[in-house]
Amino acid sequence: MSTATSPTPTAAEGSGPDKPNPGLKNVTLYRLLSIAGVFAAWEIAGMVPISVAFPTFSDTILAFAEMTADGRMISAYAETLKPLAVGVFISGFFGVAIGVGMGLNRLFQWMWEPIFVVLQASPVAALIPLITYAYGIGLTAKTVAVMILAAPIIVLNTYKAVRNASPNLIQMSRSFQGTRLQEILKVIIPNAAPVIFAGLRLGVAAGFIGVILAELLITPTGIGDIISYHRSIAEYAHMYAAVFSIIVFSAVMIGLLEKVETNYFRPEKKKGQ
């Protein structure tokens, strides 16, 4: 009697480890070409020039190197990151807690949702004078400005993630006689974690906007001080270097957080890359 033999898997059938996407190198190349094109256009626009206040890209990089070498840029970022770190930490800790509460309890949602929806829609620049009047011009005022921008995003993303947790998983937990606490800690929050972390990432991005607005409108310190000072003495290459550093720093930070999100919370996105 002949016995059926299972076909031996081949490399083409994907039995081995996942192979890297061959299109990934092309995507990286296109991104690098896009960035290089922007820098080239910046250099040409500065050489024309389109404005006396618009330096070339090469002058901006030289100014950035100068300020980094003499320590101005490092000390400025050390000052800027204080309210950013404190504001994002407070917004993340309490924002996730409030968002989870809103997702689990209708009364809690009715109490808090209008506040954060209004904050999200409010123009922060118009609120800065009120913050200054209430908290002065120190670290507290800048931290509050960061929280006003970061907290609504974190809270509302967490609330939506918890409220839209998979009903099938919740029903399975109840069918196995799981307690309400087990349902929250082992089913709802893990299921909502990817969207919660995405909210935290977007909150950090909003926090960058808040801290720079605070440094420009409340009192010039940190990176805001460099921008304001060099604008006042018409050293535009140094001013643009500070702005460019903010863009690069925030893009790198958000990119790292997105990498963490992809690796630990959204493995399906990693496979698609």
Protein backbone atom coordinates (compact mmCIF):
# COMPACT_ATOMS: atom_id res chain seq x y z
CA MET A 1 0.00 0.00 0.00
CA SER A 2 1.38 3.32 -1.00
CA THR A 3 1.41 6.04 1.63
CA ALA A 4 0.67 9.68 0.94
CA THR A 5 3.64 11.92 1.40
CA SER A 6 3.34 15.59 2.16
CA PRO A 7 5.08 17.81 -0.33
CA THR A 8 8.34 19.27 0.88
CA PRO A 9 8.03 23.04 1.28
CA THR A 10 10.31 25.03 -0.94
CA ALA A 11 11.82 28.44 -0.50
CA ALA A 12 9.38 29.80 -3.07
CA GLU A 13 6.50 28.71 -0.84
CA GLY A 14 7.76 30.91 1.97
CA SER A 15 8.78 28.19 4.44
CA GLY A 16 11.93 30.07 5.44
CA PRO A 17 12.20 33.36 7.23
CA ASP A 18 10.49 36.37 5.77
CA LYS A 19 12.48 37.81 2.93
CA PRO A 20 12.92 41.59 2.76
CA ASN A 21 10.61 43.35 0.39
CA PRO A 22 12.60 44.01 -2.82
CA GLY A 23 10.70 47.25 -3.30
CA LEU A 24 11.89 48.66 0.03
CA LYS A 25 15.23 49.79 -1.37
CA ASN A 26 13.45 51.65 -4.16
CA VAL A 27 11.15 53.38 -1.66
CA THR A 28 14.16 54.49 0.42
CA LEU A 29 15.89 55.74 -2.71
CA TYR A 30 12.82 57.75 -3.77
CA ARG A 31 12.58 59.30 -0.31
CA LEU A 32 16.23 60.30 -0.36
CA LEU A 33 15.83 61.77 -3.84
CA SER A 34 12.79 63.71 -2.67
CA ILE A 35 14.72 65.18 0.28
CA ALA A 36 17.69 65.99 -1.96
CA GLY A 37 15.34 67.73 -4.39
CA VAL A 38 13.93 69.92 -1.62
CA PHE A 39 17.43 70.89 -0.47
CA ALA A 40 18.51 71.65 -4.04
CA ALA A 41 15.44 73.85 -4.59
CA TRP A 42 16.19 75.60 -1.28
CA GLU A 43 19.78 76.27 -2.39
CA ILE A 44 18.67 77.68 -5.76
CA ALA A 45 15.96 79.83 -4.17
CA GLY A 46 18.51 81.26 -1.75
CA MET A 47 20.98 82.02 -4.56
CA VAL A 48 18.41 83.85 -6.74
CA PRO A 49 17.43 85.14 -4.08
CA ILE A 50 13.67 85.10 -3.65
CA SER A 51 14.11 87.32 -0.57
CA VAL A 52 16.97 88.93 1.31
CA ALA A 53 15.68 87.10 4.38
CA PHE A 54 15.92 83.69 2.71
CA PRO A 55 19.42 82.15 3.00
CA THR A 56 20.80 79.30 0.97
CA PHE A 57 20.71 75.76 2.31
CA SER A 58 24.52 75.66 2.54
CA ASP A 59 24.61 78.85 4.62
CA THR A 60 21.94 77.40 6.90
CA ILE A 61 23.93 74.21 7.45
CA LEU A 62 27.09 76.23 8.19
CA ALA A 63 25.17 78.31 10.73
CA PHE A 64 23.80 75.15 12.31
CA ALA A 65 27.31 73.67 12.54
CA GLU A 66 28.59 76.90 14.12
CA MET A 67 25.87 76.99 16.78
CA THR A 68 26.33 73.30 17.52
CA ALA A 69 30.09 73.66 17.84
CA ASP A 70 29.92 76.58 20.29
CA GLY A 71 27.24 74.85 22.40
CA ARG A 72 24.36 77.25 21.77
CA MET A 73 22.19 74.68 20.04
CA ILE A 74 22.77 72.00 22.69
CA SER A 75 21.99 74.33 25.60
CA ALA A 76 18.92 75.63 23.78
CA TYR A 77 17.55 72.12 23.29
CA ALA A 78 18.27 71.28 26.92
CA GLU A 79 16.05 74.23 27.86
CA THR A 80 13.33 73.43 25.30
CA LEU A 81 13.05 69.74 26.22
CA LYS A 82 12.21 70.47 29.88
CA PRO A 83 8.61 71.70 29.37
CA LEU A 84 8.17 69.29 26.45
CA ALA A 85 9.13 66.23 28.51
CA VAL A 86 7.08 67.28 31.54
CA GLY A 87 4.04 68.24 29.46
CA VAL A 88 4.06 65.07 27.35
CA PHE A 89 4.54 62.86 30.43
CA ILE A 90 1.61 64.44 32.28
CA SER A 91 -0.57 64.41 29.15
CA GLY A 92 0.29 60.77 28.44
CA PHE A 93 -0.23 59.50 31.99
CA PHE A 94 -3.47 61.31 32.77
CA GLY A 95 -4.65 61.40 29.15
CA VAL A 96 -4.60 57.62 28.78
CA ALA A 97 -6.31 57.20 32.17
CA ILE A 98 -9.06 59.69 31.29
CA GLY A 99 -9.47 58.23 27.80
CA VAL A 100 -9.84 54.70 29.18
CA GLY A 101 -12.40 55.96 31.68
CA MET A 102 -14.34 57.70 28.91
CA GLY A 103 -14.33 54.56 26.81
CA LEU A 104 -15.60 52.39 29.66
CA ASN A 105 -18.16 54.70 31.27
CA ARG A 106 -20.77 56.80 29.47
CA LEU A 107 -21.15 59.28 32.35
CA PHE A 108 -17.39 59.82 32.43
CA GLN A 109 -17.47 60.38 28.67
CA TRP A 110 -20.24 62.98 28.92
CA MET A 111 -18.25 64.84 31.59
CA TRP A 112 -14.89 65.00 29.80
CA GLU A 113 -15.48 64.72 26.06
CA PRO A 114 -16.79 68.31 25.52
CA ILE A 115 -13.75 69.74 27.33
CA PHE A 116 -11.19 67.98 25.17
CA VAL A 117 -13.12 68.51 21.93
CA VAL A 118 -13.20 72.25 22.64
CA LEU A 119 -9.48 72.25 23.54
CA GLN A 120 -8.63 70.43 20.32
CA ALA A 121 -10.56 72.96 18.25
CA SER A 122 -9.24 76.03 20.09
CA PRO A 123 -6.50 78.19 18.55
CA VAL A 124 -3.61 77.78 20.97
CA ALA A 125 -1.98 81.08 20.03
CA ALA A 126 -5.09 82.88 21.27
CA LEU A 127 -4.89 81.03 24.61
CA ILE A 128 -1.23 81.90 25.25
CA PRO A 129 -2.03 85.32 26.81
CA LEU A 130 -4.46 83.63 29.20
CA ILE A 131 -1.83 81.05 30.15
CA THR A 132 0.71 83.82 30.75
CA TYR A 133 -1.77 85.75 32.90
CA ALA A 134 -2.55 82.67 35.00
CA TYR A 135 0.87 80.99 35.27
CA GLY A 136 3.43 83.69 34.48
CA ILE A 137 6.32 83.21 32.07
CA GLY A 138 8.15 80.29 33.62
CA LEU A 139 8.30 76.54 33.13
CA THR A 140 4.72 76.02 34.31
CA ALA A 141 3.22 78.20 31.58
CA LYS A 142 5.18 76.42 28.85
CA THR A 143 4.24 73.01 30.24
CA VAL A 144 0.57 74.01 30.20
CA ALA A 145 0.90 75.11 26.57
CA VAL A 146 2.32 71.68 25.68
CA MET A 147 -0.49 69.93 27.56
CA ILE A 148 -3.21 71.98 25.85
CA LEU A 149 -2.02 70.69 22.48
CA ALA A 150 -1.00 67.14 23.41
CA ALA A 151 -3.69 66.07 25.89
CA PRO A 152 -6.80 66.31 23.64
CA ILE A 153 -5.18 64.11 20.98
CA ILE A 154 -4.09 61.48 23.51
CA VAL A 155 -7.41 61.47 25.38
CA LEU A 156 -9.65 61.29 22.32
CA ASN A 157 -7.55 58.61 20.59
CA THR A 158 -7.55 56.50 23.75
CA TYR A 159 -11.29 56.97 24.20
CA LYS A 160 -12.07 55.89 20.63
CA ALA A 161 -9.68 52.93 20.87
CA VAL A 162 -11.28 51.61 24.06
CA ARG A 163 -14.83 52.27 22.92
CA ASN A 164 -14.21 50.40 19.65
CA ALA A 165 -12.42 47.40 21.16
CA SER A 166 -13.30 44.12 19.44
CA PRO A 167 -16.75 42.98 20.66
CA ASN A 168 -15.87 39.39 19.74
CA LEU A 169 -12.92 39.38 22.14
CA ILE A 170 -15.03 40.96 24.87
CA GLN A 171 -17.76 38.36 24.37
CA MET A 172 -15.17 35.56 24.50
CA SER A 173 -13.85 36.92 27.80
CA ARG A 174 -17.35 36.95 29.27
CA SER A 175 -18.09 33.46 28.00
CA PHE A 176 -15.05 32.22 29.93
CA GLN A 177 -16.41 33.87 33.09
CA GLY A 178 -13.75 36.57 33.14
CA THR A 179 -14.22 39.34 35.67
CA ARG A 180 -14.74 42.95 34.60
CA LEU A 181 -11.18 43.82 35.70
CA GLN A 182 -9.74 40.92 33.69
CA GLU A 183 -11.80 41.99 30.70
CA ILE A 184 -10.35 45.51 30.90
CA LEU A 185 -6.74 44.59 31.62
CA LYS A 186 -6.39 41.49 29.44
CA VAL A 187 -8.76 42.16 26.55
CA ILE A 188 -9.84 45.77 26.06
CA ILE A 189 -6.59 47.63 26.77
CA PRO A 190 -4.34 45.20 24.82
CA ASN A 191 -6.75 45.35 21.90
CA ALA A 192 -6.78 49.16 22.03
CA ALA A 193 -3.01 49.49 22.59
CA PRO A 194 -2.03 50.18 18.92
CA VAL A 195 -4.41 53.14 18.61
CA ILE A 196 -3.49 54.37 22.11
CA PHE A 197 0.20 54.39 21.18
CA ALA A 198 -0.60 56.13 17.89
CA GLY A 199 -2.34 58.81 19.95
CA LEU A 200 0.74 59.16 22.15
CA ARG A 201 2.90 59.56 19.05
CA LEU A 202 0.61 62.27 17.66
CA GLY A 203 0.54 63.88 21.11
CA VAL A 204 4.33 64.17 21.10
CA ALA A 205 4.17 65.82 17.67
CA ALA A 206 1.58 68.30 18.95
CA GLY A 207 3.72 68.88 22.04
CA PHE A 208 6.59 70.07 19.83
CA ILE A 209 4.28 72.69 18.33
CA GLY A 210 3.13 73.73 21.79
CA VAL A 211 6.60 74.18 23.25
CA ILE A 212 7.86 76.23 20.28
CA LEU A 213 4.75 78.44 20.37
CA ALA A 214 5.28 78.94 24.09
CA GLU A 215 8.93 79.91 23.62
CA LEU A 216 8.06 82.37 20.87
CA LEU A 217 4.99 83.93 22.50
CA ILE A 218 5.49 83.63 26.27
CA THR A 219 9.18 84.27 26.84
CA PRO A 220 12.11 83.69 24.48
CA THR A 221 14.09 80.76 25.84
CA GLY A 222 15.66 77.68 24.29
CA ILE A 223 15.17 77.31 20.55
CA GLY A 224 12.59 80.09 20.56
CA ASP A 225 15.22 82.45 21.92
CA ILE A 226 17.64 81.57 19.09
CA ILE A 227 14.90 82.19 16.50
CA SER A 228 13.81 85.50 18.04
CA TYR A 229 17.32 86.82 18.61
CA HIS A 230 18.75 86.09 15.18
CA ARG A 231 15.60 87.40 13.51
CA SER A 232 16.00 90.68 15.41
CA ILE A 233 19.60 91.15 14.25
CA ALA A 234 18.90 89.92 10.69
CA GLU A 235 21.10 86.81 10.90
CA TYR A 236 18.64 84.81 8.87
CA ALA A 237 20.89 81.80 8.24
CA HIS A 238 21.08 81.20 12.00
CA MET A 239 17.32 81.69 12.35
CA TYR A 240 16.59 79.19 9.59
CA ALA A 241 19.14 76.79 11.09
CA ALA A 242 17.18 76.78 14.35
CA VAL A 243 13.89 76.20 12.51
CA PHE A 244 15.48 73.46 10.39
CA SER A 245 16.84 71.74 13.52
CA ILE A 246 13.34 71.68 15.02
CA ILE A 247 11.94 70.01 11.91
CA VAL A 248 14.71 67.41 11.81
CA PHE A 249 14.57 66.70 15.54
CA SER A 250 10.79 66.28 15.63
CA ALA A 251 10.81 64.15 12.46
CA VAL A 252 13.45 61.83 13.94
CA MET A 253 11.58 61.54 17.23
CA ILE A 254 8.26 60.81 15.53
CA GLY A 255 9.97 58.33 13.22
CA LEU A 256 11.46 56.45 16.18
CA LEU A 257 8.09 56.33 17.93
CA GLU A 258 6.46 55.08 14.73
CA LYS A 259 9.14 52.36 14.55
CA VAL A 260 8.32 51.28 18.11
CA GLU A 261 4.61 51.30 17.25
CA THR A 262 5.18 49.16 14.15
CA ASN A 263 7.45 46.64 15.89
CA TYR A 264 5.46 46.13 19.07
CA PHE A 265 1.85 47.12 18.37
CA ARG A 266 1.26 46.80 14.62
CA PRO A 267 3.22 43.82 13.27
CA GLU A 268 0.90 43.67 10.27
CA LYS A 269 2.32 47.04 9.10
CA LYS A 270 5.84 45.68 9.43
CA LYS A 271 5.02 42.74 7.15
CA GLY A 272 3.63 45.10 4.54
CA GLN A 273 6.80 47.15 4.36
